Amino acid sequence: MTHSRKIRLAMAQINVVVGDLENNTRKIVDWIGQAERAGADLVTFPELALTGYPPEDLLLKPGFISANLAALDVVAKAATDIVAVVGFVDRAHDIFNAAAILADGKRAGVYHKIFLPNYGVFDEFRYFQVGKLSTLLRIGESRVGVTICEDIWYPEGPVVEQAMGAGAELILNISSSPFHAGKRRWKERMLETRAADNNAIVAYNNLVGGQDELVFDGQSMIFDETGKMIVRGRQFEEQLIVADLDLETVFRRRLKDPRARQGSRHASTTEISLPSPRPAPVAIPDTGLADPLVADPLDDESEIYQALVLGTRDYVMKNGFSRVVIGLSGGIDSALTATVAVDALGSENVVGVLMPSRYSSVGSVQDSEALGRALGIDLITIPIADTMKAYESALAPSFEGVDPDLAEENLQARIRGNLVMALSNKFGWLVLSTGNKSEVSVGYCTLYGDMAGGFAVLKDVTKTMVYRLSAHCNRAAGTDRIPSAIIEKPPSAELRPDQKDSDSLPEYDDLDPILLAYVEEDQSIDDMIASGFDPDTVRRIVRMVDRAEYKRRQAAPGVKITPRAFGRDRRMPITNGYRG
């Protein structure tokens, strides 16, 4: 006779707002109800789902900690016919990044995160105490381990203690793991390895949504005890993922594996007994949210583009804006920014502003108008030639005897910045700046000019990726949403006659690999030269990157899509005498 021990697991891949305890509580309670209606025995929520992630210095406010604990009591009352694992902030002699185990309408136990990340965008040592005990849930005859995000990344630690030591057959990992391009492959390999190495089913429940610069891509996953992926959630979408897991298959596999018999590893594991699972219904009911299939991952361009869309939508909406305004130059950066904004917010909520100068080509104006028609957005035209003359007249006594130079070029950018900010102030629209990572890296941008704005959509997108994403948009649409003339023209700021970006910078195909090596990989000048880059170009670009740090400190936040974004990831001193 074949013995079966099935648990119906639901993973709530939700989008919450940092600090919005009332609405986060409401959402968690609602999704607990969705999981119950799906017949789940156990439902998980992401890391710090109650407070939102990362709560940063809200954690230094005692009142916020207390309010989060009061909110947890409300959530606990909803977990009457189901076991819920919910991320929150616990308070004892210190505060902990924690998972509450809720059952029978109350808190049945708690797990404190053991491995606290303190690199890249993470500052968890600034706030949290390290957890000391692994946690094991006994649900009927089955054993379930609980871990939080970073805990699963280490081959040794709570996962091994729970699975190989205390016999956990299912490892739950509630996570708030930020997106960057390419991370999905690393994460899948890691989770596959943890499952196979520990002969355990691993269920990884990730957050979804945008929070300031960060984007969380969801894509929660379940791997069986052999390391095979059996569930993968969708990217960049809320979803209730429901799956029936037979833990008896884990037991049978372990009978043939002697590793767990070689000494106890669970001296630091605490056990929590919970109600036995109910007899599972024959089929998972259609709640409108449940989808047990393995979703196909997005390709590289689609993944990055959807991250930009979600990051922009959530930044705008979560901060109380409804419409955005974008200066349209006729160039590819403003065109892609506008396209992302339309997909994030709808064409009715995007306004494009044309601000032609004496140097603007007829083609650039026509291209911006064509873009506006293709996207269906409102367009405003405000010529700046007369305003520029007024500035020149006012400055003439001070500039007397000095030839026109960069100061006059930047004046045009600053006039445009003033105009879009005036529209923002008058109508409450959020300004989206349009600069890309290549320009921001080397300072090819104007403070209080094209850098003006509340959110920089392309801040972490190199120029070569801008071209790839623009082509992707047109392929996906089956039509030229971004007019081909915009994609094909040589990039230019059009601040002086016949100006091109290549007058001031190397070609972007040459520049971007150097920026990747220096900014994202921390290679030295000697390393880059040894790799085959032109020595003079390397030294020039390094000098430009280092000198532009003061500009980047004053730039708007923007969506992180690389492993090393400016701001939260890469933190360099402005006053800096090192060159190497």
Foldseek 3Di string as FASTA:
>chain_A
DDDWAKFKEKEWQEADAAQPQVVLLVVLLVVLVLCVLLQGQEYEYAFQSNRDPPNPCVLVDPVSLVVQVVSVLVSLQSAERHWYWYFHWDDDVFIFRKIFTHYNSGTQDMFGAADADPAFLGNCVVGHDHTQFWEWEAAPPAIETEHEAVQLQDLDDNLCQRQLFVNHQEYEYHYADFAAFPVVVVVLVSQLCSLQVRLHKYWYFYYAFADFQTGTFTQTWIAHNNSHTQATDGTRDTAIEIDMDTSVVSVVVCVPPCSSVPDHRRPRYDYGYHYHRDPGDPHRDCSVGYDHGHDDYDDRLVNLLSLLLRNVLCVQVVVPHQAAEEEQQLALLSLSVQVSPCSNRNQARYEYEYAAEPLRDPNSVVLSVLLCVLSVHHYHYHYCHVVLVVVCVVCCVVCPPPDDDVVSLLVSQLVQLVVSVVVCVVPVHWYEQRDACLCLQLVVDHVNGSLDTAEHSRNDPAPVSSLVNLVVVCVVVVHNSNDVVNSPDADAPSSDHPGGPVVPAPPSVLRVVLCCCCQVVVDALVRVVVVPRDSVNSQSSQVSSLQSPVVLVVGHGYHHHHSAGPDSNDDDDNDDDDHD
